[in-house]
PDB file of N, CA and C in Angstrom:
ATOM      1  N   MET A   1      24.462  10.339  22.012  1.00  0.00           N
ATOM      2  CA  MET A   1      23.561  10.354  21.644  1.00  0.00           C
ATOM      3  C   MET A   1      22.304   9.759  22.500  1.00  0.00           C
ATOM      4  N   GLU A   2      21.294   9.787  22.844  1.00  0.00           N
ATOM      5  CA  GLU A   2      20.473   9.494  23.611  1.00  0.00           C
ATOM      6  C   GLU A   2      19.654   7.865  23.175  1.00  0.00           C
ATOM      7  N   ILE A   3      19.827   6.923  24.345  1.00  0.00           N
ATOM      8  CA  ILE A   3      18.887   5.894  23.959  1.00  0.00           C
ATOM      9  C   ILE A   3      17.427   6.004  23.413  1.00  0.00           C
ATOM     10  N   SER A   4      16.520   7.058  23.845  1.00  0.00           N
ATOM     11  CA  SER A   4      15.308   7.533  23.425  1.00  0.00           C
ATOM     12  C   SER A   4      15.344   7.740  22.129  1.00  0.00           C
ATOM     13  N   SER A   5      16.157   8.863  21.511  1.00  0.00           N
ATOM     14  CA  SER A   5      16.248   9.320  20.424  1.00  0.00           C
ATOM     15  C   SER A   5      16.528   8.223  19.427  1.00  0.00           C
ATOM     16  N   ILE A   6      17.508   7.199  19.577  1.00  0.00           N
ATOM     17  CA  ILE A   6      17.483   6.384  18.674  1.00  0.00           C
ATOM     18  C   ILE A   6      16.458   5.605  18.531  1.00  0.00           C
ATOM     19  N   VAL A   7      16.059   4.790  19.763  1.00  0.00           N
ATOM     20  CA  VAL A   7      14.628   4.172  19.897  1.00  0.00           C
ATOM     21  C   VAL A   7      13.515   5.090  18.725  1.00  0.00           C
ATOM     22  N   SER A   8      13.237   6.198  18.796  1.00  0.00           N
ATOM     23  CA  SER A   8      12.180   6.886  17.815  1.00  0.00           C
ATOM     24  C   SER A   8      12.742   6.886  16.480  1.00  0.00           C
ATOM     25  N   GLY A   9      14.109   7.387  16.636  1.00  0.00           N
ATOM     26  CA  GLY A   9      14.652   6.786  15.047  1.00  0.00           C
ATOM     27  C   GLY A   9      14.196   5.735  14.942  1.00  0.00           C
ATOM     28  N   LEU A  10      14.416   4.754  15.257  1.00  0.00           N
ATOM     29  CA  LEU A  10      14.120   3.526  14.597  1.00  0.00           C
ATOM     30  C   LEU A  10      12.634   3.275  14.396  1.00  0.00           C
ATOM     31  N   ILE A  11      11.941   3.542  15.283  1.00  0.00           N
ATOM     32  CA  ILE A  11      10.325   3.208  15.094  1.00  0.00           C
ATOM     33  C   ILE A  11       9.887   4.159  13.872  1.00  0.00           C
ATOM     34  N   VAL A  12      10.132   5.121  13.527  1.00  0.00           N
ATOM     35  CA  VAL A  12      10.351   6.276  12.816  1.00  0.00           C
ATOM     36  C   VAL A  12      10.762   5.481  11.218  1.00  0.00           C
ATOM     37  N   LEU A  13      11.828   4.882  11.294  1.00  0.00           N
ATOM     38  CA  LEU A  13      12.339   4.229  10.335  1.00  0.00           C
ATOM     39  C   LEU A  13      11.333   2.873   9.836  1.00  0.00           C
ATOM     40  N   VAL A  14      11.143   2.126  10.677  1.00  0.00           N
ATOM     41  CA  VAL A  14      10.501   1.112  10.503  1.00  0.00           C
ATOM     42  C   VAL A  14       8.902   1.462   9.990  1.00  0.00           C
ATOM     43  N   ALA A  15       8.235   2.626  10.438  1.00  0.00           N
ATOM     44  CA  ALA A  15       7.269   3.113  10.125  1.00  0.00           C
ATOM     45  C   ALA A  15       7.373   3.368   8.421  1.00  0.00           C
ATOM     46  N   VAL A  16       8.136   3.741   8.225  1.00  0.00           N
ATOM     47  CA  VAL A  16       8.162   4.400   6.840  1.00  0.00           C
ATOM     48  C   VAL A  16       8.271   3.134   5.999  1.00  0.00           C
ATOM     49  N   VAL A  17       9.359   2.344   6.440  1.00  0.00           N
ATOM     50  CA  VAL A  17       9.229   1.078   5.469  1.00  0.00           C
ATOM     51  C   VAL A  17       8.321   0.186   5.240  1.00  0.00           C
ATOM     52  N   ALA A  18       7.179   0.023   6.222  1.00  0.00           N
ATOM     53  CA  ALA A  18       6.048  -0.523   6.346  1.00  0.00           C
ATOM     54  C   ALA A  18       5.091  -0.220   5.192  1.00  0.00           C
ATOM     55  N   TYR A  19       5.050   1.371   5.617  1.00  0.00           N
ATOM     56  CA  TYR A  19       4.181   2.500   4.532  1.00  0.00           C
ATOM     57  C   TYR A  19       4.722   2.364   3.257  1.00  0.00           C
ATOM     58  N   VAL A  20       5.988   2.273   3.058  1.00  0.00           N
ATOM     59  CA  VAL A  20       6.249   2.164   1.352  1.00  0.00           C
ATOM     60  C   VAL A  20       5.746   1.043   1.051  1.00  0.00           C
ATOM     61  N   THR A  21       6.666  -0.004   1.898  1.00  0.00           N
ATOM     62  CA  THR A  21       6.131  -1.472   1.385  1.00  0.00           C
ATOM     63  C   THR A  21       4.639  -1.982   1.029  1.00  0.00           C
ATOM     64  N   LEU A  22       3.952  -1.695   1.943  1.00  0.00           N
ATOM     65  CA  LEU A  22       2.335  -1.716   1.893  1.00  0.00           C
ATOM     66  C   LEU A  22       1.845  -1.118   0.314  1.00  0.00           C
ATOM     67  N   ALA A  23       2.458   0.004   0.231  1.00  0.00           N
ATOM     68  CA  ALA A  23       1.808   0.987  -1.353  1.00  0.00           C
ATOM     69  C   ALA A  23       2.405   0.066  -2.609  1.00  0.00           C
ATOM     70  N   ILE A  24       3.668  -0.136  -2.364  1.00  0.00           N
ATOM     71  CA  ILE A  24       4.492  -1.112  -3.490  1.00  0.00           C
ATOM     72  C   ILE A  24       3.469  -2.800  -3.259  1.00  0.00           C
ATOM     73  N   LEU A  25       3.188  -3.217  -2.587  1.00  0.00           N
ATOM     74  CA  LEU A  25       2.487  -4.500  -2.472  1.00  0.00           C
ATOM     75  C   LEU A  25       1.183  -4.250  -3.162  1.00  0.00           C
ATOM     76  N   ALA A  26       0.787  -3.222  -2.935  1.00  0.00           N
ATOM     77  CA  ALA A  26      -0.675  -2.804  -3.293  1.00  0.00           C
ATOM     78  C   ALA A  26      -0.721  -2.761  -4.722  1.00  0.00           C
ATOM     79  N   LEU A  27       0.438  -1.471  -4.927  1.00  0.00           N
ATOM     80  CA  LEU A  27       0.167  -1.748  -6.702  1.00  0.00           C
ATOM     81  C   LEU A  27       0.678  -2.411  -7.726  1.00  0.00           C
ATOM     82  N   THR A  28       1.717  -3.180  -6.937  1.00  0.00           N
ATOM     83  CA  THR A  28       1.957  -4.834  -7.529  1.00  0.00           C
ATOM     84  C   THR A  28       0.820  -5.498  -7.943  1.00  0.00           C
ATOM     85  N   GLN A  29      -0.063  -5.810  -6.740  1.00  0.00           N
ATOM     86  CA  GLN A  29      -0.887  -6.840  -7.070  1.00  0.00           C
ATOM     87  C   GLN A  29      -2.109  -6.194  -7.830  1.00  0.00           C
ATOM     88  N   ILE A  30      -2.477  -5.031  -7.795  1.00  0.00           N
ATOM     89  CA  ILE A  30      -3.357  -4.243  -8.818  1.00  0.00           C
ATOM     90  C   ILE A  30      -2.833  -4.527 -10.165  1.00  0.00           C
ATOM     91  N   ALA A  31      -1.493  -4.144 -10.310  1.00  0.00           N
ATOM     92  CA  ALA A  31      -0.788  -4.459 -11.684  1.00  0.00           C
ATOM     93  C   ALA A  31      -1.479  -5.927 -12.425  1.00  0.00           C
ATOM     94  N   ARG A  32      -0.993  -7.020 -11.316  1.00  0.00           N
ATOM     95  CA  ARG A  32      -1.023  -8.105 -11.808  1.00  0.00           C
ATOM     96  C   ARG A  32      -2.826  -8.599 -11.580  1.00  0.00           C
ATOM     97  N   ALA A  33      -3.760  -8.122 -11.007  1.00  0.00           N
ATOM     98  CA  ALA A  33      -5.117  -8.455 -10.832  1.00  0.00           C
ATOM     99  C   ALA A  33      -5.964  -8.381 -12.309  1.00  0.00           C
ATOM    100  N   ASP A  34      -6.657  -9.132 -12.809  1.00  0.00           N
ATOM    101  CA  ASP A  34      -7.508  -9.241 -13.664  1.00  0.00           C
ATOM    102  C   ASP A  34      -8.956  -8.732 -13.375  1.00  0.00           C
ATOM    103  N   PHE A  35      -8.886  -7.322 -14.267  1.00  0.00           N
ATOM    104  CA  PHE A  35     -10.162  -6.630 -13.905  1.00  0.00           C
ATOM    105  C   PHE A  35     -10.853  -6.555 -15.180  1.00  0.00           C
ATOM    106  N   PRO A  36     -12.229  -6.089 -14.880  1.00  0.00           N
ATOM    107  CA  PRO A  36     -13.368  -6.440 -15.758  1.00  0.00           C
ATOM    108  C   PRO A  36     -13.228  -5.300 -17.118  1.00  0.00           C
ATOM    109  N   ASP A  37     -12.086  -4.062 -16.736  1.00  0.00           N
ATOM    110  CA  ASP A  37     -12.251  -3.403 -17.969  1.00  0.00           C
ATOM    111  C   ASP A  37     -10.603  -2.739 -16.946  1.00  0.00           C
ATOM    112  N   ALA A  38     -10.304  -1.588 -17.798  1.00  0.00           N
ATOM    113  CA  ALA A  38      -9.045  -0.970 -17.540  1.00  0.00           C
ATOM    114  C   ALA A  38      -9.229   0.218 -16.509  1.00  0.00           C
ATOM    115  N   SER A  39     -10.406   0.862 -16.806  1.00  0.00           N
ATOM    116  CA  SER A  39     -10.714   1.952 -15.651  1.00  0.00           C
ATOM    117  C   SER A  39     -10.511   1.589 -14.575  1.00  0.00           C
ATOM    118  N   THR A  40     -11.173   0.559 -13.900  1.00  0.00           N
ATOM    119  CA  THR A  40     -10.870  -0.095 -12.771  1.00  0.00           C
ATOM    120  C   THR A  40      -9.582  -0.350 -12.246  1.00  0.00           C
ATOM    121  N   ARG A  41      -8.705  -0.491 -13.488  1.00  0.00           N
ATOM    122  CA  ARG A  41      -7.368  -0.766 -12.734  1.00  0.00           C
ATOM    123  C   ARG A  41      -6.897   0.706 -12.345  1.00  0.00           C
ATOM    124  N   VAL A  42      -7.185   1.300 -13.637  1.00  0.00           N
ATOM    125  CA  VAL A  42      -6.498   3.081 -13.126  1.00  0.00           C
ATOM    126  C   VAL A  42      -7.088   3.451 -12.027  1.00  0.00           C
ATOM    127  N   LEU A  43      -8.424   3.231 -11.759  1.00  0.00           N
ATOM    128  CA  LEU A  43      -9.203   3.895 -10.292  1.00  0.00           C
ATOM    129  C   LEU A  43      -8.249   3.304  -9.396  1.00  0.00           C
ATOM    130  N   TRP A  44      -7.969   2.221  -9.193  1.00  0.00           N
ATOM    131  CA  TRP A  44      -7.315   1.444  -7.940  1.00  0.00           C
ATOM    132  C   TRP A  44      -5.696   2.498  -7.914  1.00  0.00           C
ATOM    133  N   ILE A  45      -5.020   2.367  -8.821  1.00  0.00           N
ATOM    134  CA  ILE A  45      -3.859   2.656  -8.653  1.00  0.00           C
ATOM    135  C   ILE A  45      -3.884   4.309  -8.481  1.00  0.00           C
ATOM    136  N   LEU A  46      -4.639   4.896  -8.884  1.00  0.00           N
ATOM    137  CA  LEU A  46      -4.775   6.245  -8.328  1.00  0.00           C
ATOM    138  C   LEU A  46      -5.553   6.339  -6.829  1.00  0.00           C
ATOM    139  N   ALA A  47      -5.912   5.352  -6.287  1.00  0.00           N
ATOM    140  CA  ALA A  47      -6.183   5.667  -5.007  1.00  0.00           C
ATOM    141  C   ALA A  47      -5.274   5.319  -4.150  1.00  0.00           C
ATOM    142  N   VAL A  48      -4.448   3.994  -4.676  1.00  0.00           N
ATOM    143  CA  VAL A  48      -3.114   3.749  -3.820  1.00  0.00           C
ATOM    144  C   VAL A  48      -2.191   4.803  -4.324  1.00  0.00           C
ATOM    145  N   LEU A  49      -1.882   5.607  -5.279  1.00  0.00           N
ATOM    146  CA  LEU A  49      -0.896   6.817  -5.542  1.00  0.00           C
ATOM    147  C   LEU A  49      -1.112   8.214  -4.587  1.00  0.00           C
ATOM    148  N   VAL A  50      -2.857   8.239  -4.945  1.00  0.00           N
ATOM    149  CA  VAL A  50      -3.061   9.786  -3.662  1.00  0.00           C
ATOM    150  C   VAL A  50      -3.214   9.455  -2.592  1.00  0.00           C
ATOM    151  N   ALA A  51      -3.411   8.575  -2.097  1.00  0.00           N
ATOM    152  CA  ALA A  51      -3.778   8.048  -0.629  1.00  0.00           C
ATOM    153  C   ALA A  51      -3.187   6.895  -0.272  1.00  0.00           C
ATOM    154  N   PRO A  52      -2.199   6.481   0.024  1.00  0.00           N
ATOM    155  CA  PRO A  52      -0.843   5.465  -0.299  1.00  0.00           C
ATOM    156  C   PRO A  52      -1.998   4.595   0.927  1.00  0.00           C
ATOM    157  N   PHE A  53      -1.627   5.015   2.167  1.00  0.00           N
ATOM    158  CA  PHE A  53      -1.957   4.155   3.198  1.00  0.00           C
ATOM    159  C   PHE A  53      -3.302   3.655   2.992  1.00  0.00           C
ATOM    160  N   ILE A  54      -4.276   4.617   3.267  1.00  0.00           N
ATOM    161  CA  ILE A  54      -5.912   4.316   2.984  1.00  0.00           C
ATOM    162  C   ILE A  54      -6.306   3.738   1.766  1.00  0.00           C
ATOM    163  N   GLY A  55      -5.706   3.812   0.726  1.00  0.00           N
ATOM    164  CA  GLY A  55      -5.649   2.944  -0.898  1.00  0.00           C
ATOM    165  C   GLY A  55      -5.233   1.759  -0.092  1.00  0.00           C
ATOM    166  N   SER A  56      -4.203   1.685  -0.424  1.00  0.00           N
ATOM    167  CA  SER A  56      -3.478   0.045   0.558  1.00  0.00           C
ATOM    168  C   SER A  56      -4.468  -0.491   0.846  1.00  0.00           C
ATOM    169  N   ILE A  57      -4.652  -0.160   2.008  1.00  0.00           N
ATOM    170  CA  ILE A  57      -5.698  -0.853   3.581  1.00  0.00           C
ATOM    171  C   ILE A  57      -6.888  -1.365   2.415  1.00  0.00           C
ATOM    172  N   VAL A  58      -7.698  -0.223   2.053  1.00  0.00           N
ATOM    173  CA  VAL A  58      -9.025  -0.226   1.111  1.00  0.00           C
ATOM    174  C   VAL A  58      -9.028  -1.645  -0.327  1.00  0.00           C
ATOM    175  N   TRP A  59      -7.780  -1.495  -0.532  1.00  0.00           N
ATOM    176  CA  TRP A  59      -7.332  -2.615  -2.001  1.00  0.00           C
ATOM    177  C   TRP A  59      -7.303  -3.802  -0.914  1.00  0.00           C
ATOM    178  N   PHE A  60      -6.508  -4.267   0.011  1.00  0.00           N
ATOM    179  CA  PHE A  60      -6.185  -5.662   0.577  1.00  0.00           C
ATOM    180  C   PHE A  60      -7.944  -5.745   1.471  1.00  0.00           C
ATOM    181  N   ALA A  61      -8.472  -5.268   2.076  1.00  0.00           N
ATOM    182  CA  ALA A  61      -9.676  -5.243   2.489  1.00  0.00           C
ATOM    183  C   ALA A  61     -11.083  -5.615   1.412  1.00  0.00           C
ATOM    184  N   VAL A  62     -11.273  -4.722   0.765  1.00  0.00           N
ATOM    185  CA  VAL A  62     -12.395  -5.145  -0.194  1.00  0.00           C
ATOM    186  C   VAL A  62     -12.361  -5.064  -2.063  1.00  0.00           C
ATOM    187  N   GLY A  63     -10.705  -4.802  -2.225  1.00  0.00           N
ATOM    188  CA  GLY A  63     -10.502  -4.637  -3.946  1.00  0.00           C
ATOM    189  C   GLY A  63     -10.089  -5.703  -4.493  1.00  0.00           C
ATOM    190  N   ARG A  64      -9.228  -6.591  -3.856  1.00  0.00           N
ATOM    191  CA  ARG A  64      -8.908  -7.792  -4.452  1.00  0.00           C
ATOM    192  C   ARG A  64     -10.065  -8.686  -5.183  1.00  0.00           C
ATOM    193  N   PRO A  65      -9.679  -9.272  -6.034  1.00  0.00           N
ATOM    194  CA  PRO A  65     -10.506 -10.008  -6.952  1.00  0.00           C
ATOM    195  C   PRO A  65     -10.311 -11.547  -6.204  1.00  0.00           C
ATOM    196  N   ALA A  66     -11.672 -12.377  -6.178  1.00  0.00           N
ATOM    197  CA  ALA A  66     -11.706 -13.538  -5.706  1.00  0.00           C
ATOM    198  C   ALA A  66     -10.803 -14.265  -6.279  1.00  0.00           C
ATOM    199  N   ARG A  67     -10.320 -15.060  -5.379  1.00  0.00           N
ATOM    200  CA  ARG A  67      -9.074 -16.066  -6.163  1.00  0.00           C
ATOM    201  C   ARG A  67     -10.245 -17.419  -6.321  1.00  0.00           C
ATOM    202  N   LEU A  68     -10.204 -18.252  -7.436  1.00  0.00           N
ATOM    203  CA  LEU A  68     -10.907 -19.536  -7.629  1.00  0.00           C
ATOM    204  C   LEU A  68     -10.305 -20.760  -7.081  1.00  0.00           C
TER     205      LEU A  68
END
């Protein structure tokens, strides 16, 4: 086995783990967040499930309710 194939496999593994972790963290925070109505929560969950990478990034950038 070549070292380059090991390294590329490791890079893919790290990327997949990061991708899944990001989506799980976003879904966990969405489930725990306080929303004015249930439909907002459902829309955020759908956004993360349909497009996990983009939905998670958007959630962390603009979706989280402000903490006081």
